[in-house]
Protein backbone atom coordinates (compact mmCIF):
# COMPACT_ATOMS: atom_id res chain seq x y z
CA MET A 1 -0.01 -0.01 -0.01
CA ALA A 2 1.45 3.34 -1.02
CA SER A 3 0.46 6.09 1.39
CA ASN A 4 1.63 9.42 0.09
CA SER A 5 0.55 11.79 2.83
CA ILE A 6 0.32 11.93 6.62
CA SER A 7 -3.48 11.77 6.44
CA ASP A 8 -3.35 8.67 4.25
CA LYS A 9 -1.12 6.96 6.80
CA ALA A 10 -3.51 7.81 9.64
CA ILE A 11 -6.55 6.60 7.70
CA ALA A 12 -4.76 3.37 6.76
CA LYS A 13 -3.79 2.81 10.39
CA LEU A 14 -7.33 3.45 11.59
CA THR A 15 -8.56 0.91 9.04
CA ALA A 16 -6.06 -1.68 10.27
CA ALA A 17 -6.99 -1.01 13.89
CA THR A 18 -10.67 -1.41 13.05
CA LEU A 19 -10.15 -4.76 11.33
CA HIS A 20 -7.39 -6.24 13.50
CA ASP A 21 -9.80 -8.54 15.38
CA LEU A 22 -11.09 -10.10 12.18
CA ASP A 23 -8.67 -12.78 11.04
CA SER A 24 -10.19 -13.55 7.64
CA VAL A 25 -9.84 -9.99 6.26
CA ASP A 26 -7.14 -8.79 3.89
CA VAL A 27 -6.26 -5.52 5.67
CA ALA A 28 -4.12 -4.11 2.87
CA SER A 29 -6.88 -4.29 0.27
CA SER A 30 -9.35 -2.86 2.77
CA GLN A 31 -6.99 0.06 3.42
CA GLU A 32 -6.77 0.72 -0.31
CA TYR A 33 -10.57 0.61 -0.59
CA VAL A 34 -11.08 3.04 2.30
CA LEU A 35 -8.45 5.44 0.94
CA PHE A 36 -10.07 5.24 -2.51
CA LEU A 37 -13.48 6.14 -1.04
CA ILE A 38 -12.15 9.02 1.04
CA ARG A 39 -10.25 10.38 -1.94
CA GLY A 40 -13.52 10.31 -3.87
CA LEU A 41 -15.41 12.46 -1.36
CA PRO A 42 -16.31 16.00 -2.40
CA TRP A 43 -13.72 18.59 -1.34
CA PHE A 44 -15.92 20.09 1.38
CA TYR A 45 -15.98 16.70 3.15
CA ARG A 46 -12.50 15.55 2.23
CA ILE A 47 -10.63 18.61 3.62
CA PRO A 48 -12.09 18.40 7.19
CA PHE A 49 -11.59 14.60 7.27
CA ARG A 50 -7.99 14.90 6.10
CA SER A 51 -7.36 17.66 8.65
CA ALA A 52 -8.76 15.43 11.41
CA ALA A 53 -6.60 12.57 10.13
CA ILE A 54 -3.46 14.73 10.38
CA PHE A 55 -4.43 15.75 13.92
CA ALA A 56 -5.04 12.05 14.76
CA GLU A 57 -1.67 11.07 13.29
CA LEU A 58 0.23 13.56 15.43
CA SER A 59 -1.83 13.35 18.62
CA PRO A 60 -0.05 10.35 20.24
CA LEU A 61 3.32 12.18 20.21
CA PRO A 62 2.98 13.71 23.71
CA PHE A 63 1.60 10.50 25.22
CA ARG A 64 3.39 7.64 23.47
CA LEU A 65 6.31 9.47 21.79
CA ARG A 66 5.22 7.94 18.47
CA ARG A 67 2.92 8.85 15.66
CA LEU A 68 -0.34 6.94 15.18
CA SER A 69 0.93 5.07 12.15
CA SER A 70 3.88 3.69 14.11
CA LEU A 71 1.71 2.18 16.88
CA ASP A 72 0.73 -1.48 16.63
CA ASP A 73 -2.93 -2.25 16.04
CA ALA A 74 -3.83 -3.11 19.65
CA ASN A 75 -2.19 0.07 21.02
CA CYS A 76 -3.77 2.11 18.26
CA GLU A 77 -7.22 0.80 19.08
CA GLN A 78 -6.72 1.47 22.77
CA PHE A 79 -5.48 4.99 22.07
CA VAL A 80 -8.45 5.68 19.84
CA ARG A 81 -10.89 4.54 22.51
CA THR A 82 -9.34 6.42 25.42
CA ILE A 83 -7.93 9.67 24.11
CA LEU A 84 -9.16 10.47 20.64
CA GLY A 85 -12.83 9.65 21.22
CA LYS A 86 -13.17 13.02 22.86
CA ALA A 87 -11.26 15.12 20.33
CA PRO A 88 -13.22 17.38 17.98
CA PHE A 89 -13.94 15.92 14.52
CA PHE A 90 -12.19 12.66 15.34
CA PRO A 91 -15.31 10.60 16.18
CA ALA A 92 -16.73 11.52 12.79
CA LEU A 93 -13.49 10.46 11.04
CA HIS A 94 -13.31 7.24 13.03
CA ARG A 95 -16.94 6.36 12.28
CA LEU A 96 -16.43 7.07 8.57
CA VAL A 97 -13.29 4.90 8.38
CA ARG A 98 -14.92 2.13 10.44
CA THR A 99 -18.04 2.17 8.25
CA PHE A 100 -16.05 1.99 5.01
CA ALA A 101 -13.75 -0.75 6.40
CA LEU A 102 -16.61 -2.90 7.71
CA MET A 103 -18.55 -2.36 4.48
CA ASP A 104 -15.53 -3.68 2.53
CA CYS A 105 -15.16 -6.60 4.98
CA ALA A 106 -18.82 -7.53 4.55
CA ASP A 107 -18.55 -7.34 0.75
CA ARG A 108 -15.49 -9.61 0.74
CA LEU A 109 -17.07 -12.15 3.08
CA THR A 110 -20.25 -12.22 1.00
CA SER A 111 -18.34 -12.66 -2.25
CA ALA A 112 -16.17 -15.41 -0.71
CA LYS A 113 -19.29 -17.21 0.47
CA LEU A 114 -20.94 -16.90 -2.95
CA ASN A 115 -17.78 -18.21 -4.65
CA ARG A 116 -17.81 -21.31 -2.40
CA ASP A 117 -21.41 -22.15 -3.29
């Protein structure tokens, strides 16, 4: 997965943290799908979400001395639940990423089930 910007890295990490409990999911392709959908949003949605993603990427620095993209999935999920759930705009970004990631997961599971039958 080629993440070009800080916001892309944060969105990809949030996608991985959302799907880390599900073993049967290809996280890399889900990250690409979520990034593709967010890049396709109109500019008046995309700019606030990218700004929130940059804030989310840099927010663990004072607490963990690392950026969000360098945390492992379990620590990232814990950080999201405890600290960033109260930050402005971040719950909307997290819900959007989680919705897109779970939508992709459901599509892949459904297509895998149909291919077996």
